[in-house]
């Protein structure tokens, strides 16, 4: 099926900002939806790490083998919903 869902989450309180200014451009070029969260500490907690984190790319792909076709369809439907919500949230900020 070739479906490789991904979403980028970027912390908004990174200093200097130059550290992450290229990330949205890369996401747009790769057609990866992205969204900002307010805190690098919150992003680290969500990612189960103790270090503040500037961005996280969330992938949904099995580590070995392939998913069954029905699982792929379910995953694609869920991803489409998340992608639509992230894109709508990003558009509402402008």
PDB file of N, CA and C in Angstrom:
ATOM      1  N   UNK A   1       0.818  -1.182   0.000  1.00  0.00           N
ATOM      2  CA  UNK A   1       0.000   0.000   0.000  1.00  0.00           C
ATOM      3  C   UNK A   1       0.870   1.258   0.000  1.00  0.00           C
ATOM      4  N   UNK A   2       2.054   1.211   0.648  1.00  0.00           N
ATOM      5  CA  UNK A   2       2.966   2.326   0.615  1.00  0.00           C
ATOM      6  C   UNK A   2       2.562   3.504   1.489  1.00  0.00           C
ATOM      7  N   UNK A   3       1.651   3.314   2.391  1.00  0.00           N
ATOM      8  CA  UNK A   3       1.159   4.386   3.248  1.00  0.00           C
ATOM      9  C   UNK A   3       2.122   4.566   4.418  1.00  0.00           C
ATOM     10  N   UNK A   4       2.646   5.775   4.595  1.00  0.00           N
ATOM     11  CA  UNK A   4       3.594   6.055   5.666  1.00  0.00           C
ATOM     12  C   UNK A   4       3.151   7.313   6.407  1.00  0.00           C
ATOM     13  N   UNK A   5       2.216   7.179   7.349  1.00  0.00           N
ATOM     14  CA  UNK A   5       1.697   8.353   8.037  1.00  0.00           C
ATOM     15  C   UNK A   5       2.725   8.960   8.988  1.00  0.00           C
ATOM     16  N   UNK A   6       2.710  10.281   9.083  1.00  0.00           N
ATOM     17  CA  UNK A   6       3.603  10.976   9.988  1.00  0.00           C
ATOM     18  C   UNK A   6       3.055  12.370  10.271  1.00  0.00           C
ATOM     19  N   UNK A   7       3.369  12.861  11.460  1.00  0.00           N
ATOM     20  CA  UNK A   7       2.977  14.193  11.904  1.00  0.00           C
ATOM     21  C   UNK A   7       4.152  14.759  12.693  1.00  0.00           C
ATOM     22  N   UNK A   8       4.462  16.035  12.480  1.00  0.00           N
ATOM     23  CA  UNK A   8       5.549  16.683  13.198  1.00  0.00           C
ATOM     24  C   UNK A   8       4.965  17.606  14.263  1.00  0.00           C
ATOM     25  N   UNK A   9       5.497  17.499  15.481  1.00  0.00           N
ATOM     26  CA  UNK A   9       5.079  18.353  16.592  1.00  0.00           C
ATOM     27  C   UNK A   9       6.289  19.197  16.975  1.00  0.00           C
ATOM     28  N   UNK A  10       6.103  20.530  16.986  1.00  0.00           N
ATOM     29  CA  UNK A  10       7.207  21.459  17.216  1.00  0.00           C
ATOM     30  C   UNK A  10       6.928  22.281  18.471  1.00  0.00           C
ATOM     31  N   UNK A  11       7.919  22.389  19.344  1.00  0.00           N
ATOM     32  CA  UNK A  11       7.776  23.212  20.550  1.00  0.00           C
ATOM     33  C   UNK A  11       7.911  24.681  20.177  1.00  0.00           C
ATOM     34  N   UNK A  12       7.092  25.520  20.770  1.00  0.00           N
ATOM     35  CA  UNK A  12       7.080  26.932  20.433  1.00  0.00           C
ATOM     36  C   UNK A  12       8.001  27.795  21.278  1.00  0.00           C
ATOM     37  N   UNK A  13       8.557  27.253  22.358  1.00  0.00           N
ATOM     38  CA  UNK A  13       9.385  28.082  23.232  1.00  0.00           C
ATOM     39  C   UNK A  13      10.878  27.776  23.087  1.00  0.00           C
ATOM     40  N   UNK A  14      11.323  27.503  21.885  1.00  0.00           N
ATOM     41  CA  UNK A  14      12.730  27.210  21.625  1.00  0.00           C
ATOM     42  C   UNK A  14      13.493  28.518  21.437  1.00  0.00           C
ATOM     43  N   UNK A  15      14.632  28.613  22.089  1.00  0.00           N
ATOM     44  CA  UNK A  15      15.497  29.778  21.878  1.00  0.00           C
ATOM     45  C   UNK A  15      16.918  29.292  21.639  1.00  0.00           C
ATOM     46  N   UNK A  16      17.608  29.834  20.705  1.00  0.00           N
ATOM     47  CA  UNK A  16      17.129  30.808  19.742  1.00  0.00           C
ATOM     48  C   UNK A  16      16.191  30.147  18.731  1.00  0.00           C
ATOM     49  N   UNK A  17      15.268  30.903  18.200  1.00  0.00           N
ATOM     50  CA  UNK A  17      14.243  30.400  17.288  1.00  0.00           C
ATOM     51  C   UNK A  17      14.857  29.837  16.007  1.00  0.00           C
ATOM     52  N   UNK A  18      16.056  30.309  15.676  1.00  0.00           N
ATOM     53  CA  UNK A  18      16.732  29.828  14.458  1.00  0.00           C
ATOM     54  C   UNK A  18      16.959  28.318  14.476  1.00  0.00           C
ATOM     55  N   UNK A  19      16.931  27.723  15.645  1.00  0.00           N
ATOM     56  CA  UNK A  19      17.146  26.284  15.765  1.00  0.00           C
ATOM     57  C   UNK A  19      16.062  25.494  15.029  1.00  0.00           C
ATOM     58  N   UNK A  20      14.832  26.026  15.007  1.00  0.00           N
ATOM     59  CA  UNK A  20      13.725  25.274  14.417  1.00  0.00           C
ATOM     60  C   UNK A  20      13.056  25.941  13.222  1.00  0.00           C
ATOM     61  N   UNK A  21      13.532  27.090  12.781  1.00  0.00           N
ATOM     62  CA  UNK A  21      12.825  27.802  11.711  1.00  0.00           C
ATOM     63  C   UNK A  21      12.780  27.028  10.396  1.00  0.00           C
ATOM     64  N   UNK A  22      13.691  26.125  10.187  1.00  0.00           N
ATOM     65  CA  UNK A  22      13.705  25.346   8.944  1.00  0.00           C
ATOM     66  C   UNK A  22      12.740  24.159   8.982  1.00  0.00           C
ATOM     67  N   UNK A  23      12.324  23.748  10.150  1.00  0.00           N
ATOM     68  CA  UNK A  23      11.501  22.537  10.279  1.00  0.00           C
ATOM     69  C   UNK A  23      10.158  22.655   9.555  1.00  0.00           C
ATOM     70  N   UNK A  24       9.390  23.732   9.721  1.00  0.00           N
ATOM     71  CA  UNK A  24       8.119  23.830   8.987  1.00  0.00           C
ATOM     72  C   UNK A  24       8.304  23.794   7.466  1.00  0.00           C
ATOM     73  N   UNK A  25       9.367  24.401   6.981  1.00  0.00           N
ATOM     74  CA  UNK A  25       9.636  24.381   5.537  1.00  0.00           C
ATOM     75  C   UNK A  25       9.884  22.955   5.057  1.00  0.00           C
ATOM     76  N   UNK A  26      10.687  22.212   5.814  1.00  0.00           N
ATOM     77  CA  UNK A  26      10.945  20.815   5.454  1.00  0.00           C
ATOM     78  C   UNK A  26       9.660  19.988   5.501  1.00  0.00           C
ATOM     79  N   UNK A  27       8.826  20.258   6.497  1.00  0.00           N
ATOM     80  CA  UNK A  27       7.551  19.539   6.605  1.00  0.00           C
ATOM     81  C   UNK A  27       6.658  19.832   5.400  1.00  0.00           C
ATOM     82  N   UNK A  28       6.571  21.100   5.020  1.00  0.00           N
ATOM     83  CA  UNK A  28       5.736  21.461   3.879  1.00  0.00           C
ATOM     84  C   UNK A  28       6.247  20.830   2.595  1.00  0.00           C
ATOM     85  N   UNK A  29       7.557  20.824   2.393  1.00  0.00           N
ATOM     86  CA  UNK A  29       8.127  20.204   1.195  1.00  0.00           C
ATOM     87  C   UNK A  29       7.845  18.710   1.143  1.00  0.00           C
ATOM     88  N   UNK A  30       7.847  18.060   2.301  1.00  0.00           N
ATOM     89  CA  UNK A  30       7.606  16.623   2.370  1.00  0.00           C
ATOM     90  C   UNK A  30       6.138  16.279   2.566  1.00  0.00           C
ATOM     91  N   UNK A  31       5.272  17.306   2.580  1.00  0.00           N
ATOM     92  CA  UNK A  31       3.832  17.129   2.792  1.00  0.00           C
ATOM     93  C   UNK A  31       3.531  16.427   4.108  1.00  0.00           C
ATOM     94  N   UNK A  32       4.248  16.860   5.146  1.00  0.00           N
ATOM     95  CA  UNK A  32       4.030  16.344   6.495  1.00  0.00           C
ATOM     96  C   UNK A  32       3.280  17.410   7.285  1.00  0.00           C
ATOM     97  N   UNK A  33       2.088  17.096   7.795  1.00  0.00           N
ATOM     98  CA  UNK A  33       1.385  18.082   8.617  1.00  0.00           C
ATOM     99  C   UNK A  33       2.179  18.348   9.898  1.00  0.00           C
ATOM    100  N   UNK A  34       2.160  19.592  10.352  1.00  0.00           N
ATOM    101  CA  UNK A  34       2.869  19.934  11.579  1.00  0.00           C
ATOM    102  C   UNK A  34       2.019  20.851  12.433  1.00  0.00           C
ATOM    103  N   UNK A  35       2.321  20.839  13.714  1.00  0.00           N
ATOM    104  CA  UNK A  35       1.597  21.659  14.675  1.00  0.00           C
ATOM    105  C   UNK A  35       2.579  22.074  15.764  1.00  0.00           C
ATOM    106  N   UNK A  36       2.324  23.250  16.343  1.00  0.00           N
ATOM    107  CA  UNK A  36       3.144  23.741  17.444  1.00  0.00           C
ATOM    108  C   UNK A  36       2.470  23.447  18.773  1.00  0.00           C
ATOM    109  N   UNK A  37       3.269  23.153  19.771  1.00  0.00           N
ATOM    110  CA  UNK A  37       2.808  23.091  21.153  1.00  0.00           C
ATOM    111  C   UNK A  37       3.575  24.169  21.909  1.00  0.00           C
ATOM    112  N   UNK A  38       3.084  24.580  23.036  1.00  0.00           N
ATOM    113  CA  UNK A  38       3.666  25.736  23.723  1.00  0.00           C
ATOM    114  C   UNK A  38       5.007  25.465  24.394  1.00  0.00           C
ATOM    115  N   UNK A  39       5.261  24.238  24.803  1.00  0.00           N
ATOM    116  CA  UNK A  39       6.405  24.006  25.669  1.00  0.00           C
ATOM    117  C   UNK A  39       7.273  22.823  25.247  1.00  0.00           C
ATOM    118  N   UNK A  40       8.576  23.036  25.216  1.00  0.00           N
ATOM    119  CA  UNK A  40       9.515  21.948  24.925  1.00  0.00           C
ATOM    120  C   UNK A  40       9.522  20.930  26.064  1.00  0.00           C
ATOM    121  N   UNK A  41       9.218  21.379  27.271  1.00  0.00           N
ATOM    122  CA  UNK A  41       9.146  20.461  28.412  1.00  0.00           C
ATOM    123  C   UNK A  41       7.923  19.542  28.289  1.00  0.00           C
ATOM    124  N   UNK A  42       6.788  20.114  27.874  1.00  0.00           N
ATOM    125  CA  UNK A  42       5.586  19.294  27.672  1.00  0.00           C
ATOM    126  C   UNK A  42       5.792  18.288  26.545  1.00  0.00           C
ATOM    127  N   UNK A  43       6.473  18.724  25.493  1.00  0.00           N
ATOM    128  CA  UNK A  43       6.744  17.817  24.377  1.00  0.00           C
ATOM    129  C   UNK A  43       7.650  16.681  24.831  1.00  0.00           C
ATOM    130  N   UNK A  44       8.627  16.982  25.659  1.00  0.00           N
ATOM    131  CA  UNK A  44       9.511  15.935  26.191  1.00  0.00           C
ATOM    132  C   UNK A  44       8.728  14.948  27.049  1.00  0.00           C
ATOM    133  N   UNK A  45       7.833  15.469  27.894  1.00  0.00           N
ATOM    134  CA  UNK A  45       7.020  14.582  28.731  1.00  0.00           C
ATOM    135  C   UNK A  45       6.142  13.668  27.884  1.00  0.00           C
ATOM    136  N   UNK A  46       5.560  14.228  26.820  1.00  0.00           N
ATOM    137  CA  UNK A  46       4.714  13.423  25.936  1.00  0.00           C
ATOM    138  C   UNK A  46       5.532  12.361  25.217  1.00  0.00           C
ATOM    139  N   UNK A  47       6.789  12.655  24.962  1.00  0.00           N
ATOM    140  CA  UNK A  47       7.679  11.708  24.297  1.00  0.00           C
ATOM    141  C   UNK A  47       8.413  10.789  25.254  1.00  0.00           C
ATOM    142  N   UNK A  48       8.082  10.857  26.535  1.00  0.00           N
ATOM    143  CA  UNK A  48       8.667  10.006  27.567  1.00  0.00           C
ATOM    144  C   UNK A  48      10.183  10.160  27.655  1.00  0.00           C
ATOM    145  N   UNK A  49      10.645  11.415  27.628  1.00  0.00           N
ATOM    146  CA  UNK A  49      12.064  11.685  27.816  1.00  0.00           C
ATOM    147  C   UNK A  49      12.216  12.782  28.856  1.00  0.00           C
ATOM    148  N   UNK A  50      13.347  12.824  29.514  1.00  0.00           N
ATOM    149  CA  UNK A  50      13.575  13.823  30.555  1.00  0.00           C
ATOM    150  C   UNK A  50      14.151  15.119  30.007  1.00  0.00           C
ATOM    151  N   UNK A  51      14.664  15.098  28.789  1.00  0.00           N
ATOM    152  CA  UNK A  51      15.288  16.285  28.209  1.00  0.00           C
ATOM    153  C   UNK A  51      14.270  17.098  27.405  1.00  0.00           C
ATOM    154  N   UNK A  52      14.307  18.425  27.550  1.00  0.00           N
ATOM    155  CA  UNK A  52      13.434  19.264  26.719  1.00  0.00           C
ATOM    156  C   UNK A  52      13.677  18.968  25.238  1.00  0.00           C
ATOM    157  N   UNK A  53      12.610  18.949  24.467  1.00  0.00           N
ATOM    158  CA  UNK A  53      12.672  18.507  23.081  1.00  0.00           C
ATOM    159  C   UNK A  53      12.096  19.576  22.163  1.00  0.00           C
ATOM    160  N   UNK A  54      12.826  19.903  21.087  1.00  0.00           N
ATOM    161  CA  UNK A  54      12.353  20.970  20.194  1.00  0.00           C
ATOM    162  C   UNK A  54      11.319  20.472  19.197  1.00  0.00           C
ATOM    163  N   UNK A  55      11.436  19.246  18.706  1.00  0.00           N
ATOM    164  CA  UNK A  55      10.420  18.717  17.796  1.00  0.00           C
ATOM    165  C   UNK A  55      10.431  17.198  17.823  1.00  0.00           C
ATOM    166  N   UNK A  56       9.290  16.645  17.442  1.00  0.00           N
ATOM    167  CA  UNK A  56       9.119  15.195  17.397  1.00  0.00           C
ATOM    168  C   UNK A  56       8.396  14.853  16.106  1.00  0.00           C
ATOM    169  N   UNK A  57       8.924  13.882  15.387  1.00  0.00           N
ATOM    170  CA  UNK A  57       8.242  13.369  14.209  1.00  0.00           C
ATOM    171  C   UNK A  57       7.585  12.059  14.619  1.00  0.00           C
ATOM    172  N   UNK A  58       6.271  12.045  14.576  1.00  0.00           N
ATOM    173  CA  UNK A  58       5.512  10.867  14.991  1.00  0.00           C
ATOM    174  C   UNK A  58       5.274  10.012  13.756  1.00  0.00           C
ATOM    175  N   UNK A  59       5.797   8.798  13.790  1.00  0.00           N
ATOM    176  CA  UNK A  59       5.648   7.851  12.690  1.00  0.00           C
ATOM    177  C   UNK A  59       4.763   6.699  13.139  1.00  0.00           C
ATOM    178  N   UNK A  60       4.084   6.107  12.199  1.00  0.00           N
ATOM    179  CA  UNK A  60       3.270   4.944  12.501  1.00  0.00           C
ATOM    180  C   UNK A  60       3.592   3.877  11.476  1.00  0.00           C
ATOM    181  N   UNK A  61       4.562   3.064  11.834  1.00  0.00           N
ATOM    182  CA  UNK A  61       5.007   2.013  10.930  1.00  0.00           C
ATOM    183  C   UNK A  61       5.500   0.853  11.781  1.00  0.00           C
ATOM    184  N   UNK A  62       5.146  -0.354  11.419  1.00  0.00           N
ATOM    185  CA  UNK A  62       5.623  -1.491  12.210  1.00  0.00           C
ATOM    186  C   UNK A  62       7.138  -1.637  12.102  1.00  0.00           C
ATOM    187  N   UNK A  63       7.754  -2.126  13.173  1.00  0.00           N
ATOM    188  CA  UNK A  63       9.198  -2.303  13.155  1.00  0.00           C
ATOM    189  C   UNK A  63       9.616  -3.504  12.314  1.00  0.00           C
ATOM    190  N   UNK A  64       8.765  -4.484  12.228  1.00  0.00           N
ATOM    191  CA  UNK A  64       9.060  -5.663  11.411  1.00  0.00           C
ATOM    192  C   UNK A  64       7.796  -6.088  10.673  1.00  0.00           C
ATOM    193  N   UNK A  65       7.960  -6.525   9.444  1.00  0.00           N
ATOM    194  CA  UNK A  65       6.833  -7.029   8.673  1.00  0.00           C
ATOM    195  C   UNK A  65       5.900  -5.929   8.227  1.00  0.00           C
ATOM    196  N   UNK A  66       4.728  -6.328   7.803  1.00  0.00           N
ATOM    197  CA  UNK A  66       3.715  -5.396   7.314  1.00  0.00           C
ATOM    198  C   UNK A  66       2.427  -5.599   8.089  1.00  0.00           C
ATOM    199  N   UNK A  67       1.641  -4.557   8.137  1.00  0.00           N
ATOM    200  CA  UNK A  67       0.325  -4.653   8.752  1.00  0.00           C
ATOM    201  C   UNK A  67      -0.639  -5.342   7.789  1.00  0.00           C
ATOM    202  N   UNK A  68      -1.635  -5.992   8.348  1.00  0.00           N
ATOM    203  CA  UNK A  68      -2.680  -6.578   7.519  1.00  0.00           C
ATOM    204  C   UNK A  68      -3.427  -5.454   6.810  1.00  0.00           C
ATOM    205  N   UNK A  69      -4.051  -5.771   5.680  1.00  0.00           N
ATOM    206  CA  UNK A  69      -4.711  -4.746   4.873  1.00  0.00           C
ATOM    207  C   UNK A  69      -5.805  -4.010   5.650  1.00  0.00           C
ATOM    208  N   UNK A  70      -6.590  -4.738   6.452  1.00  0.00           N
ATOM    209  CA  UNK A  70      -7.639  -4.070   7.226  1.00  0.00           C
ATOM    210  C   UNK A  70      -7.044  -3.139   8.280  1.00  0.00           C
ATOM    211  N   UNK A  71      -5.916  -3.512   8.868  1.00  0.00           N
ATOM    212  CA  UNK A  71      -5.237  -2.644   9.828  1.00  0.00           C
ATOM    213  C   UNK A  71      -4.684  -1.394   9.131  1.00  0.00           C
ATOM    214  N   UNK A  72      -4.166  -1.564   7.917  1.00  0.00           N
ATOM    215  CA  UNK A  72      -3.661  -0.430   7.152  1.00  0.00           C
ATOM    216  C   UNK A  72      -4.789   0.550   6.830  1.00  0.00           C
ATOM    217  N   UNK A  73      -5.948   0.032   6.446  1.00  0.00           N
ATOM    218  CA  UNK A  73      -7.089   0.895   6.137  1.00  0.00           C
ATOM    219  C   UNK A  73      -7.554   1.651   7.376  1.00  0.00           C
ATOM    220  N   UNK A  74      -7.619   0.967   8.523  1.00  0.00           N
ATOM    221  CA  UNK A  74      -8.024   1.603   9.770  1.00  0.00           C
ATOM    222  C   UNK A  74      -7.016   2.688  10.154  1.00  0.00           C
ATOM    223  N   UNK A  75      -5.732   2.368  10.041  1.00  0.00           N
ATOM    224  CA  UNK A  75      -4.685   3.328  10.361  1.00  0.00           C
ATOM    225  C   UNK A  75      -4.746   4.538   9.442  1.00  0.00           C
ATOM    226  N   UNK A  76      -4.989   4.321   8.160  1.00  0.00           N
ATOM    227  CA  UNK A  76      -5.074   5.417   7.202  1.00  0.00           C
ATOM    228  C   UNK A  76      -6.255   6.327   7.537  1.00  0.00           C
ATOM    229  N   UNK A  77      -7.389   5.747   7.908  1.00  0.00           N
ATOM    230  CA  UNK A  77      -8.561   6.550   8.270  1.00  0.00           C
ATOM    231  C   UNK A  77      -8.271   7.401   9.506  1.00  0.00           C
ATOM    232  N   UNK A  78      -7.625   6.810  10.511  1.00  0.00           N
ATOM    233  CA  UNK A  78      -7.277   7.552  11.717  1.00  0.00           C
ATOM    234  C   UNK A  78      -6.262   8.643  11.399  1.00  0.00           C
ATOM    235  N   UNK A  79      -5.280   8.318  10.576  1.00  0.00           N
ATOM    236  CA  UNK A  79      -4.271   9.309  10.192  1.00  0.00           C
ATOM    237  C   UNK A  79      -4.903  10.465   9.425  1.00  0.00           C
ATOM    238  N   UNK A  80      -5.800  10.153   8.493  1.00  0.00           N
ATOM    239  CA  UNK A  80      -6.466  11.208   7.723  1.00  0.00           C
ATOM    240  C   UNK A  80      -7.201  12.174   8.646  1.00  0.00           C
ATOM    241  N   UNK A  81      -7.848  11.652   9.677  1.00  0.00           N
ATOM    242  CA  UNK A  81      -8.563  12.491  10.630  1.00  0.00           C
ATOM    243  C   UNK A  81      -7.590  13.380  11.397  1.00  0.00           C
ATOM    244  N   UNK A  82      -6.500  12.814  11.915  1.00  0.00           N
ATOM    245  CA  UNK A  82      -5.506  13.592  12.660  1.00  0.00           C
ATOM    246  C   UNK A  82      -4.866  14.633  11.755  1.00  0.00           C
ATOM    247  N   UNK A  83      -4.521  14.244  10.537  1.00  0.00           N
ATOM    248  CA  UNK A  83      -3.900  15.157   9.585  1.00  0.00           C
ATOM    249  C   UNK A  83      -4.819  16.336   9.273  1.00  0.00           C
ATOM    250  N   UNK A  84      -6.101  16.060   9.074  1.00  0.00           N
ATOM    251  CA  UNK A  84      -7.078  17.114   8.799  1.00  0.00           C
ATOM    252  C   UNK A  84      -7.185  18.067   9.985  1.00  0.00           C
ATOM    253  N   UNK A  85      -7.232  17.527  11.193  1.00  0.00           N
ATOM    254  CA  UNK A  85      -7.341  18.360  12.391  1.00  0.00           C
ATOM    255  C   UNK A  85      -6.090  19.209  12.593  1.00  0.00           C
ATOM    256  N   UNK A  86      -4.910  18.629  12.365  1.00  0.00           N
ATOM    257  CA  UNK A  86      -3.661  19.379  12.512  1.00  0.00           C
ATOM    258  C   UNK A  86      -3.598  20.495  11.464  1.00  0.00           C
ATOM    259  N   UNK A  87      -3.949  20.181  10.236  1.00  0.00           N
ATOM    260  CA  UNK A  87      -3.938  21.187   9.166  1.00  0.00           C
ATOM    261  C   UNK A  87      -4.936  22.315   9.459  1.00  0.00           C
ATOM    262  N   UNK A  88      -6.118  21.976   9.963  1.00  0.00           N
ATOM    263  CA  UNK A  88      -7.121  22.983  10.288  1.00  0.00           C
ATOM    264  C   UNK A  88      -6.646  23.861  11.457  1.00  0.00           C
ATOM    265  N   UNK A  89      -6.013  23.243  12.435  1.00  0.00           N
ATOM    266  CA  UNK A  89      -5.495  24.002  13.562  1.00  0.00           C
ATOM    267  C   UNK A  89      -4.409  24.961  13.104  1.00  0.00           C
ATOM    268  N   UNK A  90      -3.504  24.479  12.264  1.00  0.00           N
ATOM    269  CA  UNK A  90      -2.429  25.335  11.740  1.00  0.00           C
ATOM    270  C   UNK A  90      -3.006  26.473  10.914  1.00  0.00           C
ATOM    271  N   UNK A  91      -4.017  26.201  10.094  1.00  0.00           N
ATOM    272  CA  UNK A  91      -4.615  27.244   9.263  1.00  0.00           C
ATOM    273  C   UNK A  91      -5.348  28.294  10.104  1.00  0.00           C
ATOM    274  N   UNK A  92      -5.911  27.879  11.223  1.00  0.00           N
ATOM    275  CA  UNK A  92      -6.641  28.816  12.078  1.00  0.00           C
ATOM    276  C   UNK A  92      -5.728  29.798  12.785  1.00  0.00           C
ATOM    277  N   UNK A  93      -4.448  29.499  12.837  1.00  0.00           N
ATOM    278  CA  UNK A  93      -3.499  30.378  13.509  1.00  0.00           C
ATOM    279  C   UNK A  93      -3.049  31.537  12.638  1.00  0.00           C
ATOM    280  N   UNK A  94      -3.329  31.467  11.351  1.00  0.00           N
ATOM    281  CA  UNK A  94      -2.863  32.520  10.439  1.00  0.00           C
ATOM    282  C   UNK A  94      -3.925  33.512  10.159  1.00  0.00           C
TER     283      UNK A  94
END
